[in-house]
Amino acid sequence: MKTDGDEILFKKLDEYDVEVPDFPMRKSRVDRAADWLFDSVRLPEFELTERGMALTLFLPVLISIISALPLIFL
């Protein structure tokens, strides 16, 4: 169902000659890999209880002590 506004619009559009550039419809593998690598990701949110926070603070100290034990026996 065409209205008078549509006919006017089509007449105006027919006045212009537009050249559409040739561009690939599919992205290259490099572009797709770059999109995947640099896509923004939401960081997970997690709540820590007091016990979880204490474990989070103590865990690096514990790992350091355990990894230093073999150096004692050298």
N, C-alpha and C. Protein backbone atom coordinates (compact mmCIF):
# COMPACT_ATOMS: atom_id res chain seq x y z
N MET A 1 0.85 -1.17 0.00
CA MET A 1 0.00 0.00 0.00
C MET A 1 0.90 1.24 0.00
N LYS A 2 0.98 1.88 -1.15
CA LYS A 2 1.83 3.06 -1.29
C LYS A 2 1.00 4.31 -1.03
N THR A 3 1.62 5.21 -0.33
CA THR A 3 0.97 6.50 -0.08
C THR A 3 1.68 7.56 -0.91
N ASP A 4 1.17 8.78 -0.86
CA ASP A 4 1.80 9.87 -1.60
C ASP A 4 3.21 10.13 -1.09
N GLY A 5 3.40 9.98 0.23
CA GLY A 5 4.73 10.18 0.81
C GLY A 5 5.73 9.17 0.28
N ASP A 6 5.27 7.91 0.10
CA ASP A 6 6.16 6.87 -0.44
C ASP A 6 6.55 7.17 -1.87
N GLU A 7 5.59 7.64 -2.67
CA GLU A 7 5.89 7.95 -4.07
C GLU A 7 6.90 9.08 -4.17
N ILE A 8 6.75 10.08 -3.34
CA ILE A 8 7.69 11.20 -3.34
C ILE A 8 9.07 10.71 -2.92
N LEU A 9 9.10 9.86 -1.92
CA LEU A 9 10.38 9.32 -1.44
C LEU A 9 11.06 8.51 -2.53
N PHE A 10 10.32 7.64 -3.22
CA PHE A 10 10.91 6.83 -4.28
C PHE A 10 11.40 7.70 -5.44
N LYS A 11 10.69 8.77 -5.76
CA LYS A 11 11.15 9.68 -6.81
C LYS A 11 12.46 10.34 -6.41
N LYS A 12 12.55 10.78 -5.15
CA LYS A 12 13.79 11.40 -4.67
C LYS A 12 14.95 10.40 -4.69
N LEU A 13 14.67 9.16 -4.27
CA LEU A 13 15.72 8.14 -4.26
C LEU A 13 16.19 7.79 -5.65
N ASP A 14 15.28 7.83 -6.64
CA ASP A 14 15.66 7.52 -8.02
C ASP A 14 16.52 8.61 -8.63
N GLU A 15 16.52 9.81 -8.06
CA GLU A 15 17.34 10.91 -8.59
C GLU A 15 18.84 10.66 -8.36
N TYR A 16 19.18 9.90 -7.35
CA TYR A 16 20.58 9.71 -6.98
C TYR A 16 21.09 8.38 -7.50
N ASP A 17 22.32 8.41 -7.98
CA ASP A 17 22.98 7.19 -8.44
C ASP A 17 24.08 6.87 -7.44
N VAL A 18 23.91 5.80 -6.72
CA VAL A 18 24.85 5.43 -5.65
C VAL A 18 25.62 4.19 -6.07
N GLU A 19 26.94 4.27 -5.92
CA GLU A 19 27.78 3.11 -6.19
C GLU A 19 28.11 2.43 -4.88
N VAL A 20 27.75 1.17 -4.79
CA VAL A 20 28.01 0.40 -3.56
C VAL A 20 29.37 -0.26 -3.71
N PRO A 21 30.29 0.01 -2.78
CA PRO A 21 31.62 -0.61 -2.89
C PRO A 21 31.54 -2.11 -2.65
N ASP A 22 32.45 -2.82 -3.28
CA ASP A 22 32.50 -4.27 -3.12
C ASP A 22 33.26 -4.57 -1.83
N PHE A 23 32.62 -5.24 -0.91
CA PHE A 23 33.27 -5.62 0.34
C PHE A 23 32.91 -7.07 0.64
N PRO A 24 33.82 -7.78 1.28
CA PRO A 24 33.56 -9.20 1.56
C PRO A 24 32.43 -9.37 2.56
N MET A 25 31.59 -10.34 2.32
CA MET A 25 30.47 -10.60 3.21
C MET A 25 30.91 -11.35 4.47
N ARG A 26 31.97 -12.12 4.35
CA ARG A 26 32.50 -12.84 5.51
C ARG A 26 33.77 -12.17 5.99
N LYS A 27 33.97 -12.20 7.28
CA LYS A 27 35.22 -11.66 7.83
C LYS A 27 36.32 -12.70 7.65
N SER A 28 37.54 -12.21 7.59
CA SER A 28 38.68 -13.13 7.48
C SER A 28 38.90 -13.81 8.83
N ARG A 29 39.68 -14.85 8.80
CA ARG A 29 39.95 -15.59 10.05
C ARG A 29 40.67 -14.72 11.06
N VAL A 30 41.56 -13.86 10.57
CA VAL A 30 42.30 -12.97 11.47
C VAL A 30 41.34 -11.99 12.14
N ASP A 31 40.40 -11.44 11.38
CA ASP A 31 39.42 -10.51 11.95
C ASP A 31 38.53 -11.21 12.98
N ARG A 32 38.11 -12.42 12.66
CA ARG A 32 37.26 -13.16 13.61
C ARG A 32 38.04 -13.50 14.88
N ALA A 33 39.32 -13.89 14.74
CA ALA A 33 40.14 -14.20 15.91
C ALA A 33 40.37 -12.95 16.75
N ALA A 34 40.61 -11.81 16.08
CA ALA A 34 40.81 -10.56 16.81
C ALA A 34 39.54 -10.15 17.54
N ASP A 35 38.39 -10.32 16.90
CA ASP A 35 37.13 -10.00 17.57
C ASP A 35 36.94 -10.87 18.80
N TRP A 36 37.31 -12.14 18.68
CA TRP A 36 37.14 -13.06 19.81
C TRP A 36 38.11 -12.73 20.94
N LEU A 37 39.36 -12.41 20.58
CA LEU A 37 40.37 -12.13 21.61
C LEU A 37 40.11 -10.82 22.34
N PHE A 38 39.69 -9.79 21.61
CA PHE A 38 39.56 -8.48 22.20
C PHE A 38 38.12 -8.13 22.56
N ASP A 39 37.25 -9.12 22.62
CA ASP A 39 35.87 -8.89 23.02
C ASP A 39 35.82 -8.61 24.52
N SER A 40 35.03 -7.64 24.90
CA SER A 40 34.96 -7.30 26.32
C SER A 40 34.16 -8.39 27.06
N VAL A 41 34.62 -8.69 28.23
CA VAL A 41 34.01 -9.75 29.03
C VAL A 41 33.70 -9.18 30.41
N ARG A 42 32.51 -9.50 30.89
CA ARG A 42 32.16 -9.07 32.24
C ARG A 42 32.89 -9.93 33.25
N LEU A 43 33.47 -9.29 34.23
CA LEU A 43 34.14 -10.04 35.28
C LEU A 43 33.10 -10.63 36.23
N PRO A 44 33.33 -11.86 36.67
CA PRO A 44 32.36 -12.46 37.58
C PRO A 44 32.37 -11.77 38.95
N GLU A 45 31.21 -11.65 39.50
CA GLU A 45 31.09 -11.05 40.83
C GLU A 45 30.82 -12.17 41.83
N PHE A 46 31.59 -12.20 42.89
CA PHE A 46 31.33 -13.20 43.91
C PHE A 46 31.51 -12.58 45.28
N GLU A 47 30.66 -13.01 46.16
CA GLU A 47 30.69 -12.48 47.52
C GLU A 47 31.53 -13.40 48.39
N LEU A 48 32.36 -12.80 49.22
CA LEU A 48 33.20 -13.58 50.12
C LEU A 48 32.72 -13.38 51.55
N THR A 49 32.65 -14.47 52.25
CA THR A 49 32.35 -14.40 53.67
C THR A 49 33.64 -14.06 54.40
N GLU A 50 33.58 -13.94 55.69
CA GLU A 50 34.79 -13.67 56.47
C GLU A 50 35.79 -14.82 56.33
N ARG A 51 35.27 -16.03 56.33
CA ARG A 51 36.14 -17.19 56.19
C ARG A 51 36.78 -17.21 54.80
N GLY A 52 36.00 -16.90 53.78
CA GLY A 52 36.54 -16.87 52.42
C GLY A 52 37.57 -15.77 52.24
N MET A 53 37.34 -14.63 52.85
CA MET A 53 38.30 -13.53 52.75
C MET A 53 39.60 -13.88 53.47
N ALA A 54 39.50 -14.53 54.62
CA ALA A 54 40.69 -14.95 55.35
C ALA A 54 41.48 -15.97 54.53
N LEU A 55 40.79 -16.88 53.88
CA LEU A 55 41.46 -17.88 53.05
C LEU A 55 42.13 -17.21 51.85
N THR A 56 41.46 -16.22 51.27
CA THR A 56 42.02 -15.51 50.13
C THR A 56 43.28 -14.75 50.52
N LEU A 57 43.31 -14.19 51.70
CA LEU A 57 44.48 -13.46 52.14
C LEU A 57 45.62 -14.40 52.57
N PHE A 58 45.28 -15.56 53.12
CA PHE A 58 46.28 -16.49 53.64
C PHE A 58 46.83 -17.41 52.55
N LEU A 59 46.09 -17.61 51.47
CA LEU A 59 46.48 -18.57 50.43
C LEU A 59 47.83 -18.22 49.78
N PRO A 60 48.11 -16.98 49.39
CA PRO A 60 49.44 -16.69 48.81
C PRO A 60 50.58 -16.97 49.78
N VAL A 61 50.37 -16.70 51.06
CA VAL A 61 51.40 -16.97 52.06
C VAL A 61 51.63 -18.48 52.14
N LEU A 62 50.59 -19.26 52.15
CA LEU A 62 50.69 -20.71 52.22
C LEU A 62 51.40 -21.26 50.99
N ILE A 63 51.06 -20.76 49.82
CA ILE A 63 51.71 -21.23 48.59
C ILE A 63 53.20 -20.87 48.61
N SER A 64 53.54 -19.70 49.10
CA SER A 64 54.95 -19.30 49.18
C SER A 64 55.73 -20.22 50.12
N ILE A 65 55.15 -20.55 51.24
CA ILE A 65 55.82 -21.43 52.20
C ILE A 65 56.01 -22.81 51.62
N ILE A 66 54.98 -23.34 50.98
CA ILE A 66 55.07 -24.69 50.40
C ILE A 66 56.10 -24.72 49.27
N SER A 67 56.13 -23.68 48.44
CA SER A 67 57.10 -23.67 47.33
C SER A 67 58.53 -23.45 47.82
N ALA A 68 58.72 -22.88 49.01
CA ALA A 68 60.06 -22.65 49.55
C ALA A 68 60.61 -23.89 50.27
N LEU A 69 59.77 -24.83 50.63
CA LEU A 69 60.23 -26.04 51.35
C LEU A 69 61.32 -26.80 50.61
N PRO A 70 61.24 -27.04 49.31
CA PRO A 70 62.33 -27.78 48.65
C PRO A 70 63.67 -27.05 48.71
N LEU A 71 63.64 -25.73 48.80
CA LEU A 71 64.91 -24.97 48.86
C LEU A 71 65.64 -25.20 50.18
N ILE A 72 64.91 -25.56 51.22
CA ILE A 72 65.52 -25.81 52.52
C ILE A 72 66.39 -27.07 52.46
N PHE A 73 65.96 -28.05 51.68
CA PHE A 73 66.65 -29.35 51.67
C PHE A 73 67.72 -29.43 50.57
N LEU A 74 68.05 -28.36 49.94
CA LEU A 74 69.10 -28.39 48.92
C LEU A 74 70.48 -28.41 49.52
